Amino acid sequence: MKYSKGVYIRVTGMPRLTPNSLTTATELAKELDKVRRIGVAFDNEEIEPGLRCIAAPIRDDSGMLVAGLSVSAPADRHKPEWAALVRQAADAISAALGYRAVQ
């Protein structure tokens, strides 16, 4: 199911789960713009204190987002450089599904 930001906010209410949680449409829009630019998303203890996550999209041959690949770790053991590895793995899976990025 595809949600627009407005629908997502109405459905979830964007509750503050930790001090780092995004709770406004403006914060969410800014974060989504960043994710689109860099190709990975980060959860910086936004849902659970002490847990960080990196995620990247997996696309099929039509370019449709069909899955995501993520790595979660305790915040004190998390390494930001994993982002490139997660992105590379997601890109490889997408390529195996027939996705060809538009250059």
PDB file of N, CA and C in Angstrom:
ATOM      1  N   MET A   1       0.845  -1.180   0.000  1.00  0.00           N
ATOM      2  CA  MET A   1       0.000   0.000   0.000  1.00  0.00           C
ATOM      3  C   MET A   1       0.885   1.236   0.000  1.00  0.00           C
ATOM      4  N   LYS A   2       0.571   2.184  -0.838  1.00  0.00           N
ATOM      5  CA  LYS A   2       1.343   3.406  -0.946  1.00  0.00           C
ATOM      6  C   LYS A   2       0.645   4.518  -0.161  1.00  0.00           C
ATOM      7  N   TYR A   3       1.411   5.174   0.711  1.00  0.00           N
ATOM      8  CA  TYR A   3       0.865   6.279   1.500  1.00  0.00           C
ATOM      9  C   TYR A   3       1.543   7.572   1.099  1.00  0.00           C
ATOM     10  N   SER A   4       0.772   8.642   1.010  1.00  0.00           N
ATOM     11  CA  SER A   4       1.378   9.963   0.893  1.00  0.00           C
ATOM     12  C   SER A   4       1.759  10.390   2.302  1.00  0.00           C
ATOM     13  N   LYS A   5       2.598  11.426   2.400  1.00  0.00           N
ATOM     14  CA  LYS A   5       2.999  11.903   3.733  1.00  0.00           C
ATOM     15  C   LYS A   5       1.777  12.260   4.576  1.00  0.00           C
ATOM     16  N   GLY A   6       0.794  12.931   3.944  1.00  0.00           N
ATOM     17  CA  GLY A   6      -0.394  13.348   4.690  1.00  0.00           C
ATOM     18  C   GLY A   6      -1.179  12.179   5.242  1.00  0.00           C
ATOM     19  N   VAL A   7      -1.355  11.148   4.424  1.00  0.00           N
ATOM     20  CA  VAL A   7      -2.076   9.960   4.882  1.00  0.00           C
ATOM     21  C   VAL A   7      -1.281   9.268   5.979  1.00  0.00           C
ATOM     22  N   TYR A   8       0.026   9.133   5.786  1.00  0.00           N
ATOM     23  CA  TYR A   8       0.865   8.484   6.797  1.00  0.00           C
ATOM     24  C   TYR A   8       0.734   9.198   8.141  1.00  0.00           C
ATOM     25  N   ILE A   9       0.767  10.507   8.115  1.00  0.00           N
ATOM     26  CA  ILE A   9       0.674  11.280   9.355  1.00  0.00           C
ATOM     27  C   ILE A   9      -0.694  11.091  10.003  1.00  0.00           C
ATOM     28  N   ARG A  10      -1.770  11.096   9.196  1.00  0.00           N
ATOM     29  CA  ARG A  10      -3.106  10.884   9.769  1.00  0.00           C
ATOM     30  C   ARG A  10      -3.237   9.485  10.360  1.00  0.00           C
ATOM     31  N   VAL A  11      -2.675   8.488   9.681  1.00  0.00           N
ATOM     32  CA  VAL A  11      -2.799   7.101  10.146  1.00  0.00           C
ATOM     33  C   VAL A  11      -1.983   6.859  11.413  1.00  0.00           C
ATOM     34  N   THR A  12      -0.750   7.357  11.440  1.00  0.00           N
ATOM     35  CA  THR A  12       0.147   7.064  12.572  1.00  0.00           C
ATOM     36  C   THR A  12       0.074   8.102  13.679  1.00  0.00           C
ATOM     37  N   GLY A  13      -0.237   9.332  13.323  1.00  0.00           N
ATOM     38  CA  GLY A  13      -0.197  10.405  14.310  1.00  0.00           C
ATOM     39  C   GLY A  13       1.217  10.861  14.625  1.00  0.00           C
ATOM     40  N   MET A  14       2.216  10.189  14.091  1.00  0.00           N
ATOM     41  CA  MET A  14       3.633  10.491  14.312  1.00  0.00           C
ATOM     42  C   MET A  14       3.951  10.741  15.787  1.00  0.00           C
ATOM     43  N   PRO A  15       3.697   9.764  16.636  1.00  0.00           N
ATOM     44  CA  PRO A  15       3.952   9.960  18.065  1.00  0.00           C
ATOM     45  C   PRO A  15       5.448  10.059  18.360  1.00  0.00           C
ATOM     46  N   ARG A  16       5.790  10.772  19.394  1.00  0.00           N
ATOM     47  CA  ARG A  16       7.187  10.866  19.844  1.00  0.00           C
ATOM     48  C   ARG A  16       7.473   9.619  20.670  1.00  0.00           C
ATOM     49  N   LEU A  17       8.279   8.702  20.132  1.00  0.00           N
ATOM     50  CA  LEU A  17       8.632   7.477  20.826  1.00  0.00           C
ATOM     51  C   LEU A  17       9.945   7.621  21.585  1.00  0.00           C
ATOM     52  N   THR A  18      10.809   8.509  21.084  1.00  0.00           N
ATOM     53  CA  THR A  18      12.088   8.810  21.737  1.00  0.00           C
ATOM     54  C   THR A  18      12.353  10.298  21.532  1.00  0.00           C
ATOM     55  N   PRO A  19      13.358  10.846  22.175  1.00  0.00           N
ATOM     56  CA  PRO A  19      13.694  12.255  21.925  1.00  0.00           C
ATOM     57  C   PRO A  19      14.094  12.533  20.474  1.00  0.00           C
ATOM     58  N   ASN A  20      14.482  11.514  19.720  1.00  0.00           N
ATOM     59  CA  ASN A  20      14.906  11.692  18.333  1.00  0.00           C
ATOM     60  C   ASN A  20      13.798  11.471  17.310  1.00  0.00           C
ATOM     61  N   SER A  21      12.602  11.115  17.735  1.00  0.00           N
ATOM     62  CA  SER A  21      11.506  10.820  16.806  1.00  0.00           C
ATOM     63  C   SER A  21      11.128  12.037  15.969  1.00  0.00           C
ATOM     64  N   LEU A  22      10.837  11.796  14.692  1.00  0.00           N
ATOM     65  CA  LEU A  22      10.288  12.836  13.826  1.00  0.00           C
ATOM     66  C   LEU A  22       8.794  12.914  14.133  1.00  0.00           C
ATOM     67  N   THR A  23       8.288  14.108  14.379  1.00  0.00           N
ATOM     68  CA  THR A  23       6.889  14.234  14.789  1.00  0.00           C
ATOM     69  C   THR A  23       6.085  15.246  13.986  1.00  0.00           C
ATOM     70  N   THR A  24       6.704  15.866  12.972  1.00  0.00           N
ATOM     71  CA  THR A  24       5.961  16.846  12.169  1.00  0.00           C
ATOM     72  C   THR A  24       6.117  16.538  10.689  1.00  0.00           C
ATOM     73  N   ALA A  25       5.178  17.041   9.907  1.00  0.00           N
ATOM     74  CA  ALA A  25       5.232  16.864   8.462  1.00  0.00           C
ATOM     75  C   ALA A  25       6.487  17.517   7.889  1.00  0.00           C
ATOM     76  N   THR A  26       6.885  18.633   8.430  1.00  0.00           N
ATOM     77  CA  THR A  26       8.085  19.332   7.954  1.00  0.00           C
ATOM     78  C   THR A  26       9.329  18.486   8.178  1.00  0.00           C
ATOM     79  N   GLU A  27       9.461  17.903   9.368  1.00  0.00           N
ATOM     80  CA  GLU A  27      10.611  17.043   9.660  1.00  0.00           C
ATOM     81  C   GLU A  27      10.614  15.827   8.736  1.00  0.00           C
ATOM     82  N   LEU A  28       9.447  15.230   8.543  1.00  0.00           N
ATOM     83  CA  LEU A  28       9.339  14.049   7.687  1.00  0.00           C
ATOM     84  C   LEU A  28       9.697  14.391   6.248  1.00  0.00           C
ATOM     85  N   ALA A  29       9.190  15.494   5.736  1.00  0.00           N
ATOM     86  CA  ALA A  29       9.481  15.907   4.359  1.00  0.00           C
ATOM     87  C   ALA A  29      10.975  16.147   4.169  1.00  0.00           C
ATOM     88  N   LYS A  30      11.596  16.802   5.124  1.00  0.00           N
ATOM     89  CA  LYS A  30      13.036  17.068   5.055  1.00  0.00           C
ATOM     90  C   LYS A  30      13.820  15.755   5.053  1.00  0.00           C
ATOM     91  N   GLU A  31      13.438  14.824   5.900  1.00  0.00           N
ATOM     92  CA  GLU A  31      14.118  13.525   5.975  1.00  0.00           C
ATOM     93  C   GLU A  31      13.917  12.730   4.683  1.00  0.00           C
ATOM     94  N   LEU A  32      12.702  12.722   4.134  1.00  0.00           N
ATOM     95  CA  LEU A  32      12.445  11.995   2.888  1.00  0.00           C
ATOM     96  C   LEU A  32      13.228  12.583   1.713  1.00  0.00           C
ATOM     97  N   ASP A  33      13.371  13.900   1.679  1.00  0.00           N
ATOM     98  CA  ASP A  33      14.188  14.530   0.639  1.00  0.00           C
ATOM     99  C   ASP A  33      15.637  14.058   0.748  1.00  0.00           C
ATOM    100  N   LYS A  34      16.151  13.984   1.962  1.00  0.00           N
ATOM    101  CA  LYS A  34      17.519  13.520   2.197  1.00  0.00           C
ATOM    102  C   LYS A  34      17.666  12.066   1.747  1.00  0.00           C
ATOM    103  N   VAL A  35      16.702  11.228   2.089  1.00  0.00           N
ATOM    104  CA  VAL A  35      16.743   9.813   1.717  1.00  0.00           C
ATOM    105  C   VAL A  35      16.760   9.673   0.196  1.00  0.00           C
ATOM    106  N   ARG A  36      15.948  10.436  -0.493  1.00  0.00           N
ATOM    107  CA  ARG A  36      15.920  10.381  -1.960  1.00  0.00           C
ATOM    108  C   ARG A  36      17.268  10.795  -2.556  1.00  0.00           C
ATOM    109  N   ARG A  37      17.892  11.808  -1.969  1.00  0.00           N
ATOM    110  CA  ARG A  37      19.182  12.300  -2.471  1.00  0.00           C
ATOM    111  C   ARG A  37      20.300  11.285  -2.277  1.00  0.00           C
ATOM    112  N   ILE A  38      20.386  10.677  -1.086  1.00  0.00           N
ATOM    113  CA  ILE A  38      21.536   9.818  -0.782  1.00  0.00           C
ATOM    114  C   ILE A  38      21.264   8.338  -0.984  1.00  0.00           C
ATOM    115  N   GLY A  39      19.989   7.942  -1.125  1.00  0.00           N
ATOM    116  CA  GLY A  39      19.665   6.555  -1.430  1.00  0.00           C
ATOM    117  C   GLY A  39      19.648   5.606  -0.247  1.00  0.00           C
ATOM    118  N   VAL A  40      19.783   6.120   0.944  1.00  0.00           N
ATOM    119  CA  VAL A  40      19.671   5.300   2.155  1.00  0.00           C
ATOM    120  C   VAL A  40      18.925   6.103   3.218  1.00  0.00           C
ATOM    121  N   ALA A  41      18.309   5.352   4.129  1.00  0.00           N
ATOM    122  CA  ALA A  41      17.596   5.977   5.248  1.00  0.00           C
ATOM    123  C   ALA A  41      18.263   5.545   6.538  1.00  0.00           C
ATOM    124  N   PHE A  42      18.231   6.426   7.505  1.00  0.00           N
ATOM    125  CA  PHE A  42      18.812   6.146   8.813  1.00  0.00           C
ATOM    126  C   PHE A  42      17.743   6.271   9.883  1.00  0.00           C
ATOM    127  N   ASP A  43      17.757   5.385  10.835  1.00  0.00           N
ATOM    128  CA  ASP A  43      16.951   5.512  12.050  1.00  0.00           C
ATOM    129  C   ASP A  43      17.962   5.737  13.166  1.00  0.00           C
ATOM    130  N   ASN A  44      18.006   6.955  13.651  1.00  0.00           N
ATOM    131  CA  ASN A  44      18.958   7.333  14.684  1.00  0.00           C
ATOM    132  C   ASN A  44      18.268   7.330  16.049  1.00  0.00           C
ATOM    133  N   GLU A  45      17.960   6.141  16.509  1.00  0.00           N
ATOM    134  CA  GLU A  45      17.275   5.978  17.793  1.00  0.00           C
ATOM    135  C   GLU A  45      15.941   6.722  17.802  1.00  0.00           C
ATOM    136  N   GLU A  46      15.247   6.721  16.657  1.00  0.00           N
ATOM    137  CA  GLU A  46      13.973   7.420  16.539  1.00  0.00           C
ATOM    138  C   GLU A  46      12.796   6.584  17.022  1.00  0.00           C
ATOM    139  N   ILE A  47      12.962   5.263  17.001  1.00  0.00           N
ATOM    140  CA  ILE A  47      11.872   4.385  17.422  1.00  0.00           C
ATOM    141  C   ILE A  47      12.162   3.734  18.765  1.00  0.00           C
ATOM    142  N   GLU A  48      13.421   3.390  18.969  1.00  0.00           N
ATOM    143  CA  GLU A  48      13.799   2.746  20.230  1.00  0.00           C
ATOM    144  C   GLU A  48      15.162   3.268  20.673  1.00  0.00           C
ATOM    145  N   PRO A  49      15.256   3.753  21.901  1.00  0.00           N
ATOM    146  CA  PRO A  49      16.552   4.223  22.394  1.00  0.00           C
ATOM    147  C   PRO A  49      17.591   3.101  22.344  1.00  0.00           C
ATOM    148  N   GLY A  50      18.791   3.455  21.904  1.00  0.00           N
ATOM    149  CA  GLY A  50      19.868   2.486  21.855  1.00  0.00           C
ATOM    150  C   GLY A  50      19.915   1.645  20.596  1.00  0.00           C
ATOM    151  N   LEU A  51      19.016   1.900  19.622  1.00  0.00           N
ATOM    152  CA  LEU A  51      18.980   1.111  18.384  1.00  0.00           C
ATOM    153  C   LEU A  51      19.057   2.033  17.179  1.00  0.00           C
ATOM    154  N   ARG A  52      19.984   1.740  16.278  1.00  0.00           N
ATOM    155  CA  ARG A  52      20.118   2.484  15.024  1.00  0.00           C
ATOM    156  C   ARG A  52      19.957   1.531  13.850  1.00  0.00           C
ATOM    157  N   CYS A  53      19.528   2.080  12.732  1.00  0.00           N
ATOM    158  CA  CYS A  53      19.263   1.263  11.547  1.00  0.00           C
ATOM    159  C   CYS A  53      19.649   2.038  10.297  1.00  0.00           C
ATOM    160  N   ILE A  54      20.088   1.300   9.285  1.00  0.00           N
ATOM    161  CA  ILE A  54      20.352   1.836   7.953  1.00  0.00           C
ATOM    162  C   ILE A  54      19.524   0.993   6.987  1.00  0.00           C
ATOM    163  N   ALA A  55      18.860   1.640   6.027  1.00  0.00           N
ATOM    164  CA  ALA A  55      18.028   0.906   5.074  1.00  0.00           C
ATOM    165  C   ALA A  55      18.197   1.483   3.673  1.00  0.00           C
ATOM    166  N   ALA A  56      18.013   0.611   2.677  1.00  0.00           N
ATOM    167  CA  ALA A  56      18.078   1.035   1.277  1.00  0.00           C
ATOM    168  C   ALA A  56      16.973   0.328   0.501  1.00  0.00           C
ATOM    169  N   PRO A  57      16.492   0.968  -0.567  1.00  0.00           N
ATOM    170  CA  PRO A  57      15.388   0.395  -1.345  1.00  0.00           C
ATOM    171  C   PRO A  57      15.839  -0.694  -2.308  1.00  0.00           C
ATOM    172  N   ILE A  58      14.930  -1.612  -2.567  1.00  0.00           N
ATOM    173  CA  ILE A  58      15.109  -2.625  -3.597  1.00  0.00           C
ATOM    174  C   ILE A  58      13.991  -2.423  -4.612  1.00  0.00           C
ATOM    175  N   ARG A  59      14.381  -2.320  -5.895  1.00  0.00           N
ATOM    176  CA  ARG A  59      13.426  -2.052  -6.971  1.00  0.00           C
ATOM    177  C   ARG A  59      13.409  -3.198  -7.974  1.00  0.00           C
ATOM    178  N   ASP A  60      12.251  -3.375  -8.606  1.00  0.00           N
ATOM    179  CA  ASP A  60      12.134  -4.421  -9.625  1.00  0.00           C
ATOM    180  C   ASP A  60      12.461  -3.853 -11.003  1.00  0.00           C
ATOM    181  N   ASP A  61      12.260  -4.661 -12.039  1.00  0.00           N
ATOM    182  CA  ASP A  61      12.628  -4.256 -13.394  1.00  0.00           C
ATOM    183  C   ASP A  61      11.837  -3.058 -13.916  1.00  0.00           C
ATOM    184  N   SER A  62      10.709  -2.757 -13.311  1.00  0.00           N
ATOM    185  CA  SER A  62       9.933  -1.585 -13.728  1.00  0.00           C
ATOM    186  C   SER A  62      10.299  -0.333 -12.930  1.00  0.00           C
ATOM    187  N   GLY A  63      11.198  -0.501 -11.944  1.00  0.00           N
ATOM    188  CA  GLY A  63      11.584   0.622 -11.094  1.00  0.00           C
ATOM    189  C   GLY A  63      10.725   0.759  -9.849  1.00  0.00           C
ATOM    190  N   MET A  64       9.752  -0.138  -9.704  1.00  0.00           N
ATOM    191  CA  MET A  64       8.849  -0.101  -8.556  1.00  0.00           C
ATOM    192  C   MET A  64       9.587  -0.546  -7.297  1.00  0.00           C
ATOM    193  N   LEU A  65       9.379   0.185  -6.223  1.00  0.00           N
ATOM    194  CA  LEU A  65       9.944  -0.196  -4.934  1.00  0.00           C
ATOM    195  C   LEU A  65       9.205  -1.436  -4.444  1.00  0.00           C
ATOM    196  N   VAL A  66       9.928  -2.551  -4.271  1.00  0.00           N
ATOM    197  CA  VAL A  66       9.286  -3.812  -3.900  1.00  0.00           C
ATOM    198  C   VAL A  66       9.737  -4.339  -2.545  1.00  0.00           C
ATOM    199  N   ALA A  67      10.828  -3.815  -2.019  1.00  0.00           N
ATOM    200  CA  ALA A  67      11.338  -4.293  -0.732  1.00  0.00           C
ATOM    201  C   ALA A  67      12.371  -3.305  -0.208  1.00  0.00           C
ATOM    202  N   GLY A  68      12.849  -3.590   0.952  1.00  0.00           N
ATOM    203  CA  GLY A  68      13.928  -2.807   1.530  1.00  0.00           C
ATOM    204  C   GLY A  68      14.917  -3.736   2.203  1.00  0.00           C
ATOM    205  N   LEU A  69      16.143  -3.289   2.280  1.00  0.00           N
ATOM    206  CA  LEU A  69      17.187  -4.032   2.963  1.00  0.00           C
ATOM    207  C   LEU A  69      17.668  -3.160   4.106  1.00  0.00           C
ATOM    208  N   SER A  70      17.709  -3.720   5.303  1.00  0.00           N
ATOM    209  CA  SER A  70      18.143  -2.901   6.434  1.00  0.00           C
ATOM    210  C   SER A  70      19.061  -3.686   7.355  1.00  0.00           C
ATOM    211  N   VAL A  71      19.866  -2.930   8.071  1.00  0.00           N
ATOM    212  CA  VAL A  71      20.751  -3.474   9.095  1.00  0.00           C
ATOM    213  C   VAL A  71      20.520  -2.647  10.349  1.00  0.00           C
ATOM    214  N   SER A  72      20.211  -3.332  11.429  1.00  0.00           N
ATOM    215  CA  SER A  72      20.022  -2.668  12.727  1.00  0.00           C
ATOM    216  C   SER A  72      21.105  -3.131  13.674  1.00  0.00           C
ATOM    217  N   ALA A  73      21.497  -2.241  14.577  1.00  0.00           N
ATOM    218  CA  ALA A  73      22.533  -2.585  15.550  1.00  0.00           C
ATOM    219  C   ALA A  73      22.376  -1.704  16.780  1.00  0.00           C
ATOM    220  N   PRO A  74      22.899  -2.173  17.906  1.00  0.00           N
ATOM    221  CA  PRO A  74      22.932  -1.299  19.077  1.00  0.00           C
ATOM    222  C   PRO A  74      23.686  -0.017  18.714  1.00  0.00           C
ATOM    223  N   ALA A  75      23.208   1.096  19.207  1.00  0.00           N
ATOM    224  CA  ALA A  75      23.779   2.398  18.845  1.00  0.00           C
ATOM    225  C   ALA A  75      25.281   2.469  19.100  1.00  0.00           C
ATOM    226  N   ASP A  76      25.744   1.851  20.159  1.00  0.00           N
ATOM    227  CA  ASP A  76      27.165   1.953  20.486  1.00  0.00           C
ATOM    228  C   ASP A  76      28.048   1.077  19.588  1.00  0.00           C
ATOM    229  N   ARG A  77      27.450   0.197  18.800  1.00  0.00           N
ATOM    230  CA  ARG A  77      28.225  -0.649  17.885  1.00  0.00           C
ATOM    231  C   ARG A  77      27.950  -0.334  16.419  1.00  0.00           C
ATOM    232  N   HIS A  78      27.017   0.558  16.181  1.00  0.00           N
ATOM    233  CA  HIS A  78      26.624   0.957  14.834  1.00  0.00           C
ATOM    234  C   HIS A  78      27.758   1.714  14.147  1.00  0.00           C
ATOM    235  N   LYS A  79      27.959   1.444  12.872  1.00  0.00           N
ATOM    236  CA  LYS A  79      29.002   2.111  12.095  1.00  0.00           C
ATOM    237  C   LYS A  79      28.371   2.818  10.888  1.00  0.00           C
ATOM    238  N   PRO A  80      28.481   4.144  10.812  1.00  0.00           N
ATOM    239  CA  PRO A  80      27.900   4.876   9.681  1.00  0.00           C
ATOM    240  C   PRO A  80      28.413   4.398   8.326  1.00  0.00           C
ATOM    241  N   GLU A  81      29.640   3.891   8.272  1.00  0.00           N
ATOM    242  CA  GLU A  81      30.185   3.434   6.990  1.00  0.00           C
ATOM    243  C   GLU A  81      29.454   2.208   6.445  1.00  0.00           C
ATOM    244  N   TRP A  82      28.610   1.571   7.255  1.00  0.00           N
ATOM    245  CA  TRP A  82      27.795   0.466   6.759  1.00  0.00           C
ATOM    246  C   TRP A  82      26.806   0.930   5.699  1.00  0.00           C
ATOM    247  N   ALA A  83      26.495   2.219   5.680  1.00  0.00           N
ATOM    248  CA  ALA A  83      25.505   2.738   4.727  1.00  0.00           C
ATOM    249  C   ALA A  83      25.885   2.388   3.291  1.00  0.00           C
ATOM    250  N   ALA A  84      27.150   2.563   2.942  1.00  0.00           N
ATOM    251  CA  ALA A  84      27.587   2.256   1.572  1.00  0.00           C
ATOM    252  C   ALA A  84      27.416   0.771   1.270  1.00  0.00           C
ATOM    253  N   LEU A  85      27.689  -0.084   2.241  1.00  0.00           N
ATOM    254  CA  LEU A  85      27.550  -1.525   2.037  1.00  0.00           C
ATOM    255  C   LEU A  85      26.089  -1.934   1.878  1.00  0.00           C
ATOM    256  N   VAL A  86      25.212  -1.342   2.683  1.00  0.00           N
ATOM    257  CA  VAL A  86      23.779  -1.634   2.578  1.00  0.00           C
ATOM    258  C   VAL A  86      23.267  -1.182   1.218  1.00  0.00           C
ATOM    259  N   ARG A  87      23.666   0.001   0.808  1.00  0.00           N
ATOM    260  CA  ARG A  87      23.249   0.526  -0.502  1.00  0.00           C
ATOM    261  C   ARG A  87      23.757  -0.366  -1.630  1.00  0.00           C
ATOM    262  N   GLN A  88      25.015  -0.788  -1.562  1.00  0.00           N
ATOM    263  CA  GLN A  88      25.575  -1.658  -2.607  1.00  0.00           C
ATOM    264  C   GLN A  88      24.820  -2.988  -2.673  1.00  0.00           C
ATOM    265  N   ALA A  89      24.519  -3.568  -1.523  1.00  0.00           N
ATOM    266  CA  ALA A  89      23.801  -4.849  -1.502  1.00  0.00           C
ATOM    267  C   ALA A  89      22.387  -4.681  -2.071  1.00  0.00           C
ATOM    268  N   ALA A  90      21.695  -3.609  -1.681  1.00  0.00           N
ATOM    269  CA  ALA A  90      20.347  -3.360  -2.202  1.00  0.00           C
ATOM    270  C   ALA A  90      20.388  -3.114  -3.706  1.00  0.00           C
ATOM    271  N   ASP A  91      21.401  -2.386  -4.171  1.00  0.00           N
ATOM    272  CA  ASP A  91      21.542  -2.142  -5.613  1.00  0.00           C
ATOM    273  C   ASP A  91      21.802  -3.441  -6.367  1.00  0.00           C
ATOM    274  N   ALA A  92      22.601  -4.325  -5.781  1.00  0.00           N
ATOM    275  CA  ALA A  92      22.887  -5.623  -6.424  1.00  0.00           C
ATOM    276  C   ALA A  92      21.631  -6.474  -6.514  1.00  0.00           C
ATOM    277  N   ILE A  93      20.826  -6.479  -5.461  1.00  0.00           N
ATOM    278  CA  ILE A  93      19.565  -7.229  -5.488  1.00  0.00           C
ATOM    279  C   ILE A  93      18.630  -6.631  -6.534  1.00  0.00           C
ATOM    280  N   SER A  94      18.551  -5.297  -6.568  1.00  0.00           N
ATOM    281  CA  SER A  94      17.710  -4.627  -7.568  1.00  0.00           C
ATOM    282  C   SER A  94      18.160  -4.998  -8.975  1.00  0.00           C
ATOM    283  N   ALA A  95      19.456  -4.998  -9.223  1.00  0.00           N
ATOM    284  CA  ALA A  95      19.983  -5.361 -10.539  1.00  0.00           C
ATOM    285  C   ALA A  95      19.614  -6.806 -10.880  1.00  0.00           C
ATOM    286  N   ALA A  96      19.687  -7.692  -9.907  1.00  0.00           N
ATOM    287  CA  ALA A  96      19.313  -9.098 -10.129  1.00  0.00           C
ATOM    288  C   ALA A  96      17.834  -9.231 -10.477  1.00  0.00           C
ATOM    289  N   LEU A  97      17.030  -8.278 -10.020  1.00  0.00           N
ATOM    290  CA  LEU A  97      15.596  -8.262 -10.337  1.00  0.00           C
ATOM    291  C   LEU A  97      15.314  -7.570 -11.665  1.00  0.00           C
ATOM    292  N   GLY A  98      16.370  -7.066 -12.312  1.00  0.00           N
ATOM    293  CA  GLY A  98      16.209  -6.428 -13.615  1.00  0.00           C
ATOM    294  C   GLY A  98      16.172  -4.921 -13.588  1.00  0.00           C
ATOM    295  N   TYR A  99      16.349  -4.307 -12.430  1.00  0.00           N
ATOM    296  CA  TYR A  99      16.304  -2.845 -12.338  1.00  0.00           C
ATOM    297  C   TYR A  99      17.581  -2.239 -12.927  1.00  0.00           C
ATOM    298  N   ARG A 100      17.391  -1.235 -13.739  1.00  0.00           N
ATOM    299  CA  ARG A 100      18.506  -0.485 -14.296  1.00  0.00           C
ATOM    300  C   ARG A 100      18.293   0.975 -13.938  1.00  0.00           C
ATOM    301  N   ALA A 101      19.183   1.516 -13.134  1.00  0.00           N
ATOM    302  CA  ALA A 101      19.056   2.909 -12.692  1.00  0.00           C
ATOM    303  C   ALA A 101      19.178   3.850 -13.886  1.00  0.00           C
ATOM    304  N   VAL A 102      18.357   4.883 -13.900  1.00  0.00           N
ATOM    305  CA  VAL A 102      18.428   5.905 -14.926  1.00  0.00           C
ATOM    306  C   VAL A 102      19.569   6.841 -14.556  1.00  0.00           C
ATOM    307  N   GLN A 103      20.451   7.034 -15.491  1.00  0.00           N
ATOM    308  CA  GLN A 103      21.638   7.878 -15.212  1.00  0.00           C
ATOM    309  C   GLN A 103      21.440   9.260 -15.748  1.00  0.00           C
TER     310      GLN A 103
END
